[in-house]
Amino acid sequence: MKIAVVTDSTAYLPQQLIDENNITVVPIPVVLDGQTYNEGVDVTSTEFYEKLRHSENFPSTAQPSIGEMVALYERLGDQGYDTVISIHLASTISGFVNNLKNAAQLVKNTHVIPYDSQITVILMGEMVLAAAKMAQKGKTVEEILARLDALRATTNEYFIVNDLQNLVRGGRLSNASAFLGSMLRIKPILTFDDDSHKIVAFEKIRSLKKAYARVEELFAQTVQQTDYPIHAYVIHANDEPAAIEWRDQLAAKYPQVKFDISYFGPVVGAHLGEKAIAIGWIKDEII
């Protein structure tokens, strides 16, 4: 059995890992002032945030077409892949993975399995990487999907954002009404709800310093309660110095945790806004 692994550009995996593990990445379009950019192809993260600072309108995102995806899957089938595991950003923030279920039915020369990561960014990227490594080692579809399910259950994250407006406008914040009256005066902490897998506003915090402290407190609880090693990321929206500083502080406090830095690219940054920052983590496994 020959298995291909496909994901979308919001996995934010380094190109070297994509190449080494034969991962196919589909760019997600982002629209800014009427111009459409394919993430990671037509615009870099730095370029996007620069454009965003001078934009006249809120950015929005789109989806690759069903036709494009069918053509991609069929190309993989022509290359000898009899199964494609296609891992994508949470269905609660994009309809893409659900639409791929329709695309899968149109593909005749390979079996396509759309998989909802229930997350996005590098945490999804870690899941993609695990699937690709297992595929290269000849693991079965059932083994890979079981591993994905197990890893997915270990993901968690807390976001600190400066502005809720675009999340609210895009309908991606499920409990927005509780925050609208004070959104300009707070630094809300957001997370993916464990049950609904939707982005929710977790707590209202009055200052950035207090928001950092509260997220660290929540992370400390996780470290204390988790009986397996975790791989944690500080994830930033065009603010690498802040991410490095926070990463270094956390690494000093928790030497038993593996820490890295990742980023919110244009598609996710379009909704979170520049300078958003987060801690995310997933079970640290050697595949």
Protein backbone atom coordinates (compact mmCIF):
# COMPACT_ATOMS: atom_id res chain seq x y z
CA MET A 1 0.00 0.00 0.00
CA LYS A 2 1.28 3.45 -0.93
CA ILE A 3 -0.15 6.32 1.16
CA ALA A 4 0.10 10.04 0.37
CA VAL A 5 -0.32 12.71 3.03
CA VAL A 6 -1.88 16.04 2.08
CA THR A 7 -2.48 19.09 4.26
CA ASP A 8 -3.17 22.79 3.85
CA SER A 9 -0.88 25.77 4.31
CA THR A 10 -2.14 26.55 7.82
CA ALA A 11 -0.02 23.66 9.13
CA TYR A 12 2.93 26.09 8.91
CA LEU A 13 5.51 23.33 8.66
CA PRO A 14 9.08 24.26 7.72
CA GLN A 15 9.76 23.58 4.04
CA GLN A 16 12.59 21.21 4.90
CA LEU A 17 10.22 18.92 6.82
CA ILE A 18 7.67 19.09 4.01
CA ASP A 19 10.29 18.02 1.48
CA GLU A 20 11.92 15.34 3.65
CA ASN A 21 8.60 13.68 4.43
CA ASN A 22 6.96 13.97 1.01
CA ILE A 23 4.03 16.05 2.25
CA THR A 24 1.74 17.78 -0.24
CA VAL A 25 0.63 21.23 0.92
CA VAL A 26 -2.40 22.98 -0.53
CA PRO A 27 -2.27 26.79 -0.25
CA ILE A 28 -5.30 28.49 1.30
CA PRO A 29 -6.30 31.81 -0.33
CA VAL A 30 -6.47 35.00 1.71
CA VAL A 31 -8.18 38.13 0.34
CA LEU A 32 -6.99 41.63 1.23
CA ASP A 33 -8.40 44.78 -0.36
CA GLY A 34 -9.79 42.77 -3.26
CA GLN A 35 -6.51 41.00 -4.01
CA THR A 36 -6.31 37.23 -3.55
CA TYR A 37 -3.05 35.70 -2.33
CA ASN A 38 -2.25 32.01 -1.99
CA GLU A 39 -0.67 31.55 1.42
CA GLY A 40 2.98 30.59 1.21
CA VAL A 41 3.04 31.05 -2.57
CA ASP A 42 2.10 34.63 -3.45
CA VAL A 43 2.74 36.29 -0.09
CA THR A 44 5.00 35.66 2.90
CA SER A 45 3.85 36.24 6.45
CA THR A 46 6.00 39.36 6.75
CA GLU A 47 4.60 40.78 3.52
CA PHE A 48 1.03 40.01 4.58
CA TYR A 49 1.26 41.77 7.92
CA GLU A 50 2.84 44.78 6.24
CA LYS A 51 -0.05 44.91 3.78
CA LEU A 52 -2.52 44.40 6.62
CA ARG A 53 -1.25 47.48 8.47
CA HIS A 54 -2.07 49.63 5.43
CA SER A 55 -5.23 47.86 4.27
CA GLU A 56 -8.55 49.63 3.88
CA ASN A 57 -10.68 46.58 4.69
CA PHE A 58 -10.64 43.57 6.96
CA PRO A 59 -9.01 40.55 5.31
CA SER A 60 -10.96 37.39 4.57
CA THR A 61 -10.12 33.84 3.58
CA ALA A 62 -11.39 31.48 0.91
CA GLN A 63 -11.07 27.80 0.01
CA PRO A 64 -9.33 25.97 -2.80
CA SER A 65 -11.93 24.81 -5.31
CA ILE A 66 -13.30 21.28 -5.36
CA GLY A 67 -11.99 20.96 -8.92
CA GLU A 68 -8.45 21.84 -7.82
CA MET A 69 -8.58 19.26 -5.05
CA VAL A 70 -9.97 16.52 -7.28
CA ALA A 71 -7.19 17.21 -9.79
CA LEU A 72 -4.59 17.04 -7.01
CA TYR A 73 -5.89 13.75 -5.67
CA GLU A 74 -6.03 12.26 -9.14
CA ARG A 75 -2.42 13.30 -9.80
CA LEU A 76 -1.43 11.45 -6.65
CA GLY A 77 -3.41 8.45 -7.83
CA ASP A 78 -1.56 8.57 -11.16
CA GLN A 79 1.70 8.51 -9.19
CA GLY A 80 0.74 5.18 -7.67
CA TYR A 81 -0.78 6.25 -4.36
CA ASP A 82 -3.78 4.07 -3.62
CA THR A 83 -4.77 6.09 -0.52
CA VAL A 84 -4.58 9.80 0.33
CA ILE A 85 -4.95 10.96 3.93
CA SER A 86 -5.87 14.65 3.67
CA ILE A 87 -5.47 16.45 7.02
CA HIS A 88 -6.92 19.94 7.35
CA LEU A 89 -7.81 22.80 9.65
CA ALA A 90 -10.74 22.45 12.01
CA SER A 91 -14.19 22.18 10.44
CA THR A 92 -15.42 24.62 13.10
CA ILE A 93 -13.37 27.45 11.55
CA SER A 94 -13.50 26.43 7.88
CA GLY A 95 -15.82 24.31 5.74
CA PHE A 96 -12.87 23.07 3.72
CA VAL A 97 -12.47 19.59 5.21
CA ASN A 98 -16.20 18.91 4.94
CA ASN A 99 -16.22 20.01 1.31
CA LEU A 100 -13.38 17.58 0.66
CA LYS A 101 -15.75 14.75 1.50
CA ASN A 102 -17.62 15.69 -1.68
CA ALA A 103 -14.38 15.96 -3.63
CA ALA A 104 -13.30 12.53 -2.43
CA GLN A 105 -16.36 10.94 -4.01
CA LEU A 106 -15.37 12.32 -7.42
CA VAL A 107 -11.88 10.80 -7.39
CA LYS A 108 -11.75 7.48 -9.24
CA ASN A 109 -8.12 6.35 -9.11
CA THR A 110 -7.32 6.58 -5.39
CA HIS A 111 -9.09 6.43 -2.03
CA VAL A 112 -9.22 9.84 -0.33
CA ILE A 113 -9.74 10.16 3.43
CA PRO A 114 -10.40 13.76 4.56
CA TYR A 115 -9.37 14.16 8.21
CA ASP A 116 -10.49 16.97 10.53
CA SER A 117 -7.57 17.93 12.77
CA GLN A 118 -9.97 19.93 14.99
CA ILE A 119 -7.14 22.46 15.29
CA THR A 120 -4.80 24.36 12.97
CA VAL A 121 -1.27 25.87 12.86
CA ILE A 122 1.78 23.88 13.91
CA LEU A 123 -0.25 21.58 16.17
CA MET A 124 -1.95 20.30 13.05
CA GLY A 125 1.47 20.32 11.43
CA GLU A 126 2.75 17.90 14.08
CA MET A 127 -0.13 15.55 13.28
CA VAL A 128 0.63 15.79 9.57
CA LEU A 129 4.29 15.08 10.20
CA ALA A 130 3.46 12.01 12.28
CA ALA A 131 1.18 10.66 9.55
CA ALA A 132 3.79 11.24 6.85
CA LYS A 133 6.53 9.50 8.83
CA MET A 134 4.28 6.54 9.50
CA ALA A 135 3.35 6.31 5.83
CA GLN A 136 7.04 6.26 4.90
CA LYS A 137 7.56 3.41 7.34
CA GLY A 138 4.83 1.36 5.71
CA LYS A 139 2.21 1.65 8.44
CA THR A 140 -1.38 0.88 7.49
CA VAL A 141 -4.16 3.44 7.05
CA GLU A 142 -5.80 2.14 10.22
CA GLU A 143 -2.60 2.56 12.22
CA ILE A 144 -2.08 6.09 10.95
CA LEU A 145 -5.66 7.18 11.64
CA ALA A 146 -5.50 5.69 15.13
CA ARG A 147 -2.32 7.64 15.82
CA LEU A 148 -3.89 10.83 14.48
CA ASP A 149 -6.90 10.37 16.76
CA ALA A 150 -4.62 9.83 19.75
CA LEU A 151 -2.47 12.87 18.98
CA ARG A 152 -5.51 15.06 18.28
CA ALA A 153 -6.78 14.31 21.78
CA THR A 154 -3.59 15.74 23.33
CA THR A 155 -3.65 19.16 21.63
CA ASN A 156 -4.47 22.31 23.54
CA GLU A 157 -3.72 26.00 23.24
CA TYR A 158 -4.46 29.46 24.59
CA PHE A 159 -4.39 32.58 22.40
CA ILE A 160 -3.94 36.17 23.49
CA VAL A 161 -5.28 38.63 20.92
CA ASN A 162 -5.32 42.40 20.73
CA ASP A 163 -8.53 42.74 18.74
CA LEU A 164 -11.57 40.49 18.47
CA GLN A 165 -13.22 42.38 15.63
CA ASN A 166 -12.30 40.15 12.71
CA LEU A 167 -13.00 36.94 14.61
CA VAL A 168 -16.43 38.32 15.43
CA ARG A 169 -17.07 39.57 11.89
CA GLY A 170 -16.08 36.22 10.45
CA GLY A 171 -18.31 34.29 12.83
CA ARG A 172 -15.37 32.29 14.18
CA LEU A 173 -15.83 33.21 17.83
CA SER A 174 -18.74 31.20 19.12
CA ASN A 175 -19.43 33.14 22.35
CA ALA A 176 -18.67 36.60 21.02
CA SER A 177 -21.75 38.27 22.51
CA ALA A 178 -20.33 37.98 26.03
CA PHE A 179 -17.33 40.07 25.02
CA LEU A 180 -18.59 42.62 22.54
CA GLY A 181 -19.32 45.39 25.02
CA SER A 182 -15.80 45.44 26.39
CA MET A 183 -13.67 44.03 23.59
CA LEU A 184 -11.71 47.24 23.17
CA ARG A 185 -10.74 47.35 26.85
CA ILE A 186 -9.58 43.79 27.41
CA LYS A 187 -6.97 41.27 26.30
CA PRO A 188 -9.16 38.20 25.84
CA ILE A 189 -7.76 34.69 26.15
CA LEU A 190 -9.17 32.36 23.52
CA THR A 191 -9.03 28.59 23.15
CA PHE A 192 -10.56 25.74 21.19
CA ASP A 193 -13.39 24.30 23.30
CA ASP A 194 -12.74 20.65 24.19
CA ASP A 195 -16.28 19.56 23.38
CA SER A 196 -17.42 21.73 20.47
CA HIS A 197 -13.89 22.30 19.04
CA LYS A 198 -14.95 25.88 18.32
CA ILE A 199 -12.85 28.93 19.15
CA VAL A 200 -14.25 30.43 22.34
CA ALA A 201 -13.33 33.41 24.47
CA PHE A 202 -12.06 31.74 27.63
CA GLU A 203 -11.52 34.68 29.96
CA LYS A 204 -11.52 38.47 29.98
CA ILE A 205 -8.18 39.88 31.13
CA ARG A 206 -7.57 43.58 31.73
CA SER A 207 -3.96 43.84 30.66
CA LEU A 208 -1.43 42.06 28.48
CA LYS A 209 0.80 41.32 31.48
CA LYS A 210 -2.08 39.66 33.33
CA ALA A 211 -3.06 37.72 30.21
CA TYR A 212 0.45 36.28 29.94
CA ALA A 213 0.41 35.37 33.62
CA ARG A 214 -2.98 33.65 33.35
CA VAL A 215 -1.93 31.61 30.31
CA GLU A 216 1.24 30.56 32.14
CA GLU A 217 -0.90 29.49 35.09
CA LEU A 218 -3.09 27.37 32.81
CA PHE A 219 -0.02 25.86 31.17
CA ALA A 220 1.47 25.03 34.58
CA GLN A 221 -1.68 23.10 35.44
CA THR A 222 -1.29 21.08 32.25
CA VAL A 223 2.34 20.26 32.97
CA GLN A 224 1.44 19.10 36.47
CA GLN A 225 -1.53 16.99 35.37
CA THR A 226 -0.10 15.38 32.22
CA ASP A 227 1.64 12.00 32.52
CA TYR A 228 3.33 12.05 29.09
CA PRO A 229 5.94 14.36 27.53
CA ILE A 230 4.59 17.35 25.64
CA HIS A 231 5.97 19.45 22.81
CA ALA A 232 5.00 23.08 23.38
CA TYR A 233 5.10 25.97 20.93
CA VAL A 234 4.99 29.71 21.42
CA ILE A 235 3.13 30.88 18.33
CA HIS A 236 3.20 34.50 17.19
CA ALA A 237 1.61 36.78 14.61
CA ASN A 238 4.60 38.72 13.29
CA ASP A 239 6.17 39.30 16.69
CA GLU A 240 9.10 36.91 16.87
CA PRO A 241 11.03 38.87 19.55
CA ALA A 242 8.09 38.57 21.96
CA ALA A 243 7.78 34.87 21.14
CA ILE A 244 11.48 34.23 21.76
CA GLU A 245 11.39 36.08 25.07
CA TRP A 246 8.34 34.14 26.27
CA ARG A 247 9.72 30.83 25.02
CA ASP A 248 12.96 31.41 26.93
CA GLN A 249 11.10 32.28 30.13
CA LEU A 250 8.92 29.18 29.87
CA ALA A 251 11.83 26.91 29.01
CA ALA A 252 13.65 28.07 32.14
CA LYS A 253 10.62 27.28 34.29
CA TYR A 254 9.84 23.92 32.66
CA PRO A 255 13.10 22.23 31.62
CA GLN A 256 11.23 18.94 31.18
CA VAL A 257 9.16 20.40 28.32
CA LYS A 258 10.37 20.70 24.74
CA PHE A 259 9.70 24.25 23.49
CA ASP A 260 9.82 25.65 19.97
CA ILE A 261 8.57 28.75 18.17
CA SER A 262 6.06 28.83 15.35
CA TYR A 263 3.87 31.48 13.75
CA PHE A 264 0.40 32.47 12.62
CA GLY A 265 0.63 32.89 8.86
CA PRO A 266 -1.65 35.03 6.71
CA VAL A 267 -4.75 32.80 6.80
CA VAL A 268 -4.91 32.46 10.58
CA GLY A 269 -3.44 35.92 11.14
CA ALA A 270 -6.25 37.37 9.04
CA HIS A 271 -8.61 36.43 11.86
CA LEU A 272 -6.41 36.86 14.94
CA GLY A 273 -4.65 40.05 13.88
CA GLU A 274 -1.03 41.11 14.15
CA LYS A 275 0.77 40.64 17.48
CA ALA A 276 -1.49 37.80 18.62
CA ILE A 277 0.47 35.22 20.59
CA ALA A 278 -0.27 31.76 21.94
CA ILE A 279 1.02 28.71 23.72
CA GLY A 280 0.01 25.43 22.08
CA TRP A 281 1.07 21.90 22.84
CA ILE A 282 0.72 18.28 21.78
CA LYS A 283 2.04 14.94 22.99
CA ASP A 284 5.72 14.61 22.12
CA GLU A 285 6.16 11.31 20.30
CA ILE A 286 9.00 9.72 18.41
CA ILE A 287 7.63 8.19 15.24
